[in-house]
Each structure stands twice: as C-alpha cells, then as structure tokens.
Amino acid sequence: MTNEQFIRAELALMAWRKGSDYGATDTMMAFMFVARNRFNAGWGDWLSVIKGMYQLGDEGYPSLADTDFRSILQSVDFVQNGSQPDKLTEGALYWAELPADDGIFSAEVKPLLTTVVPCAKVGQVSFFK
C-alpha cells in the first residue's frame, strides 16, 4: 500500500462515518469535497485535515457490501487527486445540520452565519464557505 492509497482509504472511511447516517452517497461525497477544500486552503496535510473533521461518535466500519460505500470507493481517487469537480458543496469548508427556525436558532446561530457564506445543502446537511 502506498501513502496515497492510505490517504484515500482514510478519506473514504471519514466520508462514510460522517455521511452514512444521512443515507445518501451525495452526503458522503460532500464530506470528501470539504476535506479536499480544506486541504487546498492550506488547513494542513491530508491526514491532519481528515483527523480534524472527526467528532466524538464518528466510529465504526462500513460493510464492504454497502452499495453507498462501494460508490465512495469508486470516487475517492478522483476527489482526492482533484480531477472530480466539487459540484456538491461549491467549495465549502464548513457544514452543519441546521434545526428548524424556532427563535432560539435565530438568536444564537444566525449571527454566526454572517461570517460564512451558505453555498449548498445536501440532504439534511448545509455547507458553508
């Protein structure tokens, strides 16, 4: 296994761990694009960028029979090497699953959104630059 293959394996695993709960390949792809966007923006080397995307509870391993994960494995090379354009997040660096606007959201979260630009929504996840 080469260094590049290891990075791609970690990238695919992170995408599955972050996006599989949303039940769509596009959400997993979007997390890979965010990692690439952060790498291209100079947030660190590939492994530090991938590690920085994990949160408590992001664990487990996919079934190799999972069709969504197999789709991610087919795409990871093209995302990591930059040959697949980011048409899902349009260059996003951040993400959030935003709640319905219940007043608390308006008071606490909307002021934070003035520092980032919404650029995409993939399933239940919103992406920002």
N, C-alpha and C. Protein backbone atom coordinates (compact mmCIF):
# COMPACT_ATOMS: atom_id res chain seq x y z
N MET A 1 0.85 -1.17 0.00
CA MET A 1 0.00 0.00 0.00
C MET A 1 0.90 1.23 0.00
N THR A 2 0.55 2.21 -0.81
CA THR A 2 1.31 3.45 -0.86
C THR A 2 0.70 4.48 0.09
N ASN A 3 1.43 5.57 0.30
CA ASN A 3 0.91 6.67 1.13
C ASN A 3 -0.40 7.21 0.55
N GLU A 4 -0.45 7.39 -0.76
CA GLU A 4 -1.66 7.91 -1.41
C GLU A 4 -2.84 6.96 -1.22
N GLN A 5 -2.61 5.67 -1.31
CA GLN A 5 -3.69 4.70 -1.11
C GLN A 5 -4.19 4.76 0.33
N PHE A 6 -3.28 4.91 1.27
CA PHE A 6 -3.68 5.01 2.68
C PHE A 6 -4.53 6.27 2.90
N ILE A 7 -4.09 7.39 2.34
CA ILE A 7 -4.86 8.65 2.47
C ILE A 7 -6.25 8.47 1.88
N ARG A 8 -6.33 7.85 0.73
CA ARG A 8 -7.64 7.65 0.09
C ARG A 8 -8.53 6.72 0.91
N ALA A 9 -7.95 5.71 1.51
CA ALA A 9 -8.73 4.82 2.38
C ALA A 9 -9.27 5.58 3.58
N GLU A 10 -8.44 6.41 4.19
CA GLU A 10 -8.88 7.21 5.34
C GLU A 10 -9.94 8.23 4.93
N LEU A 11 -9.78 8.82 3.76
CA LEU A 11 -10.75 9.78 3.25
C LEU A 11 -12.11 9.12 3.03
N ALA A 12 -12.11 7.94 2.43
CA ALA A 12 -13.36 7.21 2.21
C ALA A 12 -14.01 6.80 3.53
N LEU A 13 -13.20 6.36 4.49
CA LEU A 13 -13.73 5.96 5.79
C LEU A 13 -14.34 7.16 6.52
N MET A 14 -13.65 8.31 6.49
CA MET A 14 -14.19 9.51 7.12
C MET A 14 -15.51 9.90 6.48
N ALA A 15 -15.58 9.86 5.16
CA ALA A 15 -16.81 10.22 4.46
C ALA A 15 -17.96 9.30 4.86
N TRP A 16 -17.68 8.02 4.96
CA TRP A 16 -18.72 7.07 5.38
C TRP A 16 -19.15 7.35 6.81
N ARG A 17 -18.19 7.56 7.71
CA ARG A 17 -18.52 7.81 9.11
C ARG A 17 -19.33 9.09 9.29
N LYS A 18 -19.01 10.13 8.53
CA LYS A 18 -19.72 11.41 8.67
C LYS A 18 -21.07 11.37 7.94
N GLY A 19 -21.12 10.71 6.79
CA GLY A 19 -22.30 10.85 5.95
C GLY A 19 -23.26 9.70 5.88
N SER A 20 -22.88 8.52 6.37
CA SER A 20 -23.76 7.35 6.19
C SER A 20 -25.06 7.47 6.95
N ASP A 21 -25.09 8.20 8.04
CA ASP A 21 -26.34 8.35 8.79
C ASP A 21 -27.39 9.12 7.99
N TYR A 22 -26.94 9.87 7.00
CA TYR A 22 -27.87 10.64 6.18
C TYR A 22 -28.39 9.83 5.00
N GLY A 23 -27.85 8.63 4.81
CA GLY A 23 -28.39 7.68 3.87
C GLY A 23 -28.24 8.00 2.40
N ALA A 24 -27.26 8.78 2.04
CA ALA A 24 -27.10 9.10 0.63
C ALA A 24 -25.62 9.21 0.27
N THR A 25 -25.29 8.69 -0.88
CA THR A 25 -23.91 8.79 -1.37
C THR A 25 -23.50 10.25 -1.52
N ASP A 26 -24.41 11.12 -1.97
CA ASP A 26 -24.06 12.53 -2.16
C ASP A 26 -23.56 13.18 -0.88
N THR A 27 -24.15 12.85 0.26
CA THR A 27 -23.69 13.43 1.52
C THR A 27 -22.28 12.97 1.85
N MET A 28 -21.99 11.70 1.62
CA MET A 28 -20.63 11.20 1.84
C MET A 28 -19.65 11.89 0.90
N MET A 29 -20.05 12.04 -0.35
CA MET A 29 -19.20 12.74 -1.33
C MET A 29 -18.95 14.18 -0.88
N ALA A 30 -19.98 14.82 -0.36
CA ALA A 30 -19.83 16.21 0.08
C ALA A 30 -18.77 16.33 1.18
N PHE A 31 -18.74 15.38 2.10
CA PHE A 31 -17.71 15.42 3.15
C PHE A 31 -16.31 15.21 2.58
N MET A 32 -16.19 14.40 1.54
CA MET A 32 -14.87 14.26 0.90
C MET A 32 -14.47 15.58 0.24
N PHE A 33 -15.42 16.25 -0.39
CA PHE A 33 -15.11 17.54 -1.01
C PHE A 33 -14.70 18.58 0.03
N VAL A 34 -15.37 18.60 1.18
CA VAL A 34 -14.98 19.54 2.24
C VAL A 34 -13.54 19.27 2.67
N ALA A 35 -13.18 18.00 2.82
CA ALA A 35 -11.79 17.66 3.19
C ALA A 35 -10.82 18.18 2.12
N ARG A 36 -11.16 17.96 0.85
CA ARG A 36 -10.29 18.44 -0.22
C ARG A 36 -10.21 19.96 -0.23
N ASN A 37 -11.34 20.62 -0.01
CA ASN A 37 -11.35 22.08 0.02
C ASN A 37 -10.48 22.61 1.16
N ARG A 38 -10.54 21.95 2.31
CA ARG A 38 -9.70 22.35 3.44
C ARG A 38 -8.22 22.10 3.14
N PHE A 39 -7.91 20.97 2.53
CA PHE A 39 -6.53 20.68 2.14
C PHE A 39 -6.02 21.75 1.17
N ASN A 40 -6.82 22.06 0.16
CA ASN A 40 -6.43 23.07 -0.83
C ASN A 40 -6.31 24.46 -0.23
N ALA A 41 -7.05 24.72 0.85
CA ALA A 41 -6.99 26.03 1.52
C ALA A 41 -5.83 26.12 2.51
N GLY A 42 -5.05 25.02 2.63
CA GLY A 42 -3.87 25.06 3.49
C GLY A 42 -4.13 24.75 4.95
N TRP A 43 -5.19 24.01 5.24
CA TRP A 43 -5.50 23.68 6.63
C TRP A 43 -4.60 22.58 7.18
N GLY A 44 -3.69 22.06 6.41
CA GLY A 44 -2.77 21.01 6.86
C GLY A 44 -2.60 19.96 5.80
N ASP A 45 -1.84 18.91 6.15
CA ASP A 45 -1.69 17.80 5.21
C ASP A 45 -2.98 16.98 5.22
N TRP A 46 -3.08 16.03 4.30
CA TRP A 46 -4.31 15.26 4.15
C TRP A 46 -4.75 14.60 5.45
N LEU A 47 -3.83 13.95 6.13
CA LEU A 47 -4.24 13.21 7.33
C LEU A 47 -4.67 14.13 8.46
N SER A 48 -4.03 15.29 8.62
CA SER A 48 -4.46 16.21 9.67
C SER A 48 -5.81 16.83 9.33
N VAL A 49 -6.07 17.09 8.05
CA VAL A 49 -7.38 17.60 7.64
C VAL A 49 -8.47 16.56 7.93
N ILE A 50 -8.21 15.32 7.56
CA ILE A 50 -9.19 14.25 7.79
C ILE A 50 -9.43 14.08 9.29
N LYS A 51 -8.37 14.05 10.07
CA LYS A 51 -8.50 13.90 11.52
C LYS A 51 -9.31 15.05 12.11
N GLY A 52 -9.10 16.26 11.62
CA GLY A 52 -9.82 17.43 12.12
C GLY A 52 -11.31 17.41 11.84
N MET A 53 -11.74 16.59 10.92
CA MET A 53 -13.16 16.51 10.59
C MET A 53 -13.93 15.57 11.50
N TYR A 54 -13.23 14.72 12.23
CA TYR A 54 -13.90 13.77 13.11
C TYR A 54 -14.43 14.46 14.36
N GLN A 55 -15.53 13.94 14.85
CA GLN A 55 -16.14 14.37 16.09
C GLN A 55 -16.41 13.15 16.93
N LEU A 56 -16.66 13.37 18.21
CA LEU A 56 -17.00 12.26 19.10
C LEU A 56 -18.17 11.47 18.51
N GLY A 57 -18.04 10.18 18.48
CA GLY A 57 -19.10 9.34 17.96
C GLY A 57 -18.91 8.93 16.51
N ASP A 58 -17.92 9.51 15.83
CA ASP A 58 -17.62 9.12 14.45
C ASP A 58 -16.73 7.89 14.50
N GLU A 59 -17.35 6.74 14.51
CA GLU A 59 -16.58 5.50 14.59
C GLU A 59 -17.30 4.39 13.86
N GLY A 60 -16.72 3.24 13.85
CA GLY A 60 -17.30 2.09 13.18
C GLY A 60 -16.70 1.89 11.81
N TYR A 61 -17.10 0.80 11.18
CA TYR A 61 -16.60 0.45 9.86
C TYR A 61 -17.76 0.04 8.99
N PRO A 62 -17.70 0.39 7.72
CA PRO A 62 -18.79 0.02 6.82
C PRO A 62 -18.72 -1.44 6.43
N SER A 63 -19.84 -1.95 5.97
CA SER A 63 -19.86 -3.26 5.33
C SER A 63 -19.31 -3.07 3.92
N LEU A 64 -18.43 -3.93 3.51
CA LEU A 64 -17.91 -3.82 2.15
C LEU A 64 -18.97 -4.17 1.10
N ALA A 65 -20.11 -4.68 1.55
CA ALA A 65 -21.23 -4.94 0.65
C ALA A 65 -22.15 -3.72 0.51
N ASP A 66 -21.94 -2.70 1.34
CA ASP A 66 -22.75 -1.48 1.32
C ASP A 66 -22.56 -0.77 -0.02
N THR A 67 -23.62 -0.64 -0.80
CA THR A 67 -23.50 -0.06 -2.14
C THR A 67 -23.09 1.41 -2.11
N ASP A 68 -23.54 2.16 -1.09
CA ASP A 68 -23.13 3.55 -0.98
C ASP A 68 -21.63 3.65 -0.72
N PHE A 69 -21.11 2.81 0.18
CA PHE A 69 -19.68 2.84 0.47
C PHE A 69 -18.88 2.40 -0.76
N ARG A 70 -19.37 1.41 -1.47
CA ARG A 70 -18.67 0.97 -2.67
C ARG A 70 -18.63 2.09 -3.72
N SER A 71 -19.67 2.88 -3.77
CA SER A 71 -19.69 4.03 -4.68
C SER A 71 -18.64 5.06 -4.27
N ILE A 72 -18.51 5.27 -2.96
CA ILE A 72 -17.48 6.19 -2.44
C ILE A 72 -16.09 5.67 -2.81
N LEU A 73 -15.87 4.39 -2.67
CA LEU A 73 -14.57 3.81 -3.01
C LEU A 73 -14.23 4.02 -4.48
N GLN A 74 -15.24 4.02 -5.34
CA GLN A 74 -15.01 4.24 -6.76
C GLN A 74 -14.68 5.70 -7.07
N SER A 75 -15.11 6.62 -6.21
CA SER A 75 -14.93 8.05 -6.46
C SER A 75 -13.76 8.67 -5.72
N VAL A 76 -13.28 8.04 -4.66
CA VAL A 76 -12.32 8.68 -3.77
C VAL A 76 -11.04 9.11 -4.49
N ASP A 77 -10.55 8.32 -5.43
CA ASP A 77 -9.33 8.70 -6.15
C ASP A 77 -9.51 10.03 -6.87
N PHE A 78 -10.65 10.19 -7.52
CA PHE A 78 -10.90 11.39 -8.32
C PHE A 78 -11.14 12.63 -7.46
N VAL A 79 -11.73 12.42 -6.28
CA VAL A 79 -11.91 13.55 -5.36
C VAL A 79 -10.56 13.96 -4.79
N GLN A 80 -9.78 12.99 -4.31
CA GLN A 80 -8.52 13.29 -3.67
C GLN A 80 -7.52 13.91 -4.64
N ASN A 81 -7.48 13.44 -5.87
CA ASN A 81 -6.48 13.98 -6.80
C ASN A 81 -6.97 15.24 -7.53
N GLY A 82 -8.18 15.67 -7.25
CA GLY A 82 -8.68 16.92 -7.79
C GLY A 82 -9.30 16.84 -9.17
N SER A 83 -9.40 15.65 -9.75
CA SER A 83 -9.93 15.55 -11.10
C SER A 83 -11.46 15.58 -11.16
N GLN A 84 -12.13 15.36 -10.02
CA GLN A 84 -13.60 15.45 -10.00
C GLN A 84 -13.98 16.81 -9.41
N PRO A 85 -14.69 17.63 -10.18
CA PRO A 85 -15.06 18.96 -9.67
C PRO A 85 -16.07 18.85 -8.53
N ASP A 86 -16.00 19.82 -7.63
CA ASP A 86 -16.89 19.87 -6.48
C ASP A 86 -18.19 20.57 -6.88
N LYS A 87 -19.11 19.80 -7.41
CA LYS A 87 -20.42 20.35 -7.79
C LYS A 87 -21.43 20.20 -6.66
N LEU A 88 -21.05 19.52 -5.58
CA LEU A 88 -21.97 19.32 -4.46
C LEU A 88 -21.90 20.44 -3.45
N THR A 89 -20.68 20.84 -3.04
CA THR A 89 -20.56 21.85 -1.98
C THR A 89 -20.07 23.20 -2.50
N GLU A 90 -19.65 23.26 -3.76
CA GLU A 90 -19.19 24.51 -4.36
C GLU A 90 -18.08 25.18 -3.55
N GLY A 91 -17.18 24.36 -2.99
CA GLY A 91 -16.02 24.91 -2.28
C GLY A 91 -16.19 25.07 -0.78
N ALA A 92 -17.16 24.41 -0.19
CA ALA A 92 -17.44 24.56 1.25
C ALA A 92 -16.26 24.12 2.11
N LEU A 93 -16.12 24.80 3.25
CA LEU A 93 -15.12 24.46 4.25
C LEU A 93 -15.77 24.01 5.56
N TYR A 94 -17.04 24.30 5.73
CA TYR A 94 -17.76 24.00 6.98
C TYR A 94 -19.09 23.34 6.65
N TRP A 95 -19.70 22.72 7.65
CA TRP A 95 -21.01 22.10 7.49
C TRP A 95 -21.75 22.16 8.80
N ALA A 96 -23.06 22.03 8.72
CA ALA A 96 -23.89 21.96 9.92
C ALA A 96 -25.24 21.37 9.53
N GLU A 97 -25.82 20.65 10.45
CA GLU A 97 -27.20 20.23 10.28
C GLU A 97 -28.03 21.25 11.04
N LEU A 98 -28.64 22.16 10.32
CA LEU A 98 -29.33 23.28 10.93
C LEU A 98 -30.74 22.89 11.35
N PRO A 99 -31.14 23.29 12.57
CA PRO A 99 -32.51 22.99 13.02
C PRO A 99 -33.51 23.92 12.37
N ALA A 100 -34.77 23.59 12.51
CA ALA A 100 -35.82 24.50 12.06
C ALA A 100 -35.72 25.78 12.87
N ASP A 101 -36.09 26.89 12.28
CA ASP A 101 -36.00 28.18 12.95
C ASP A 101 -37.09 28.26 14.03
N ASP A 102 -36.64 28.19 15.29
CA ASP A 102 -37.58 28.20 16.41
C ASP A 102 -37.40 29.40 17.32
N GLY A 103 -36.75 30.45 16.86
CA GLY A 103 -36.49 31.61 17.70
C GLY A 103 -35.12 31.51 18.36
N ILE A 104 -34.85 30.37 18.99
CA ILE A 104 -33.53 30.16 19.59
C ILE A 104 -32.49 30.11 18.49
N PHE A 105 -32.83 29.42 17.40
CA PHE A 105 -31.93 29.37 16.26
C PHE A 105 -31.62 30.78 15.77
N SER A 106 -32.65 31.59 15.61
CA SER A 106 -32.44 32.95 15.12
C SER A 106 -31.52 33.75 16.04
N ALA A 107 -31.73 33.63 17.33
CA ALA A 107 -30.96 34.42 18.29
C ALA A 107 -29.52 33.94 18.44
N GLU A 108 -29.30 32.65 18.39
CA GLU A 108 -27.98 32.12 18.70
C GLU A 108 -27.14 31.76 17.47
N VAL A 109 -27.76 31.27 16.42
CA VAL A 109 -26.98 30.77 15.29
C VAL A 109 -26.89 31.76 14.13
N LYS A 110 -27.96 32.44 13.83
CA LYS A 110 -27.93 33.34 12.67
C LYS A 110 -26.80 34.37 12.72
N PRO A 111 -26.46 34.94 13.89
CA PRO A 111 -25.32 35.88 13.89
C PRO A 111 -24.01 35.22 13.46
N LEU A 112 -23.84 33.94 13.73
CA LEU A 112 -22.63 33.23 13.31
C LEU A 112 -22.58 33.07 11.80
N LEU A 113 -23.73 33.03 11.17
CA LEU A 113 -23.79 32.82 9.73
C LEU A 113 -23.36 34.05 8.94
N THR A 114 -23.14 35.16 9.62
CA THR A 114 -22.66 36.35 8.91
C THR A 114 -21.18 36.23 8.54
N THR A 115 -20.46 35.31 9.17
CA THR A 115 -19.05 35.14 8.87
C THR A 115 -18.79 34.05 7.86
N VAL A 116 -19.80 33.28 7.50
CA VAL A 116 -19.66 32.23 6.49
C VAL A 116 -20.76 32.42 5.44
N VAL A 117 -20.51 31.89 4.27
CA VAL A 117 -21.46 32.03 3.17
C VAL A 117 -22.08 30.66 2.88
N PRO A 118 -23.41 30.56 3.00
CA PRO A 118 -24.06 29.30 2.64
C PRO A 118 -23.82 29.03 1.15
N CYS A 119 -23.44 27.80 0.81
CA CYS A 119 -23.19 27.52 -0.60
C CYS A 119 -23.87 26.26 -1.10
N ALA A 120 -24.36 25.41 -0.20
CA ALA A 120 -25.02 24.19 -0.67
C ALA A 120 -25.79 23.53 0.46
N LYS A 121 -26.74 22.73 0.07
CA LYS A 121 -27.45 21.86 1.01
C LYS A 121 -27.53 20.50 0.34
N VAL A 122 -27.00 19.50 1.03
CA VAL A 122 -27.02 18.12 0.52
C VAL A 122 -27.76 17.29 1.55
N GLY A 123 -28.94 16.86 1.20
CA GLY A 123 -29.77 16.15 2.17
C GLY A 123 -30.12 17.08 3.32
N GLN A 124 -29.81 16.65 4.54
CA GLN A 124 -30.11 17.44 5.73
C GLN A 124 -28.95 18.33 6.14
N VAL A 125 -27.83 18.29 5.43
CA VAL A 125 -26.63 18.99 5.84
C VAL A 125 -26.44 20.24 4.99
N SER A 126 -26.19 21.37 5.66
CA SER A 126 -25.91 22.64 4.98
C SER A 126 -24.40 22.84 4.97
N PHE A 127 -23.89 23.39 3.87
CA PHE A 127 -22.46 23.61 3.69
C PHE A 127 -22.21 25.10 3.48
N PHE A 128 -21.04 25.56 4.00
CA PHE A 128 -20.70 26.98 4.01
C PHE A 128 -19.25 27.21 3.61
N LYS A 129 -19.00 28.39 3.05
CA LYS A 129 -17.62 28.81 2.73
C LYS A 129 -17.17 29.76 3.80
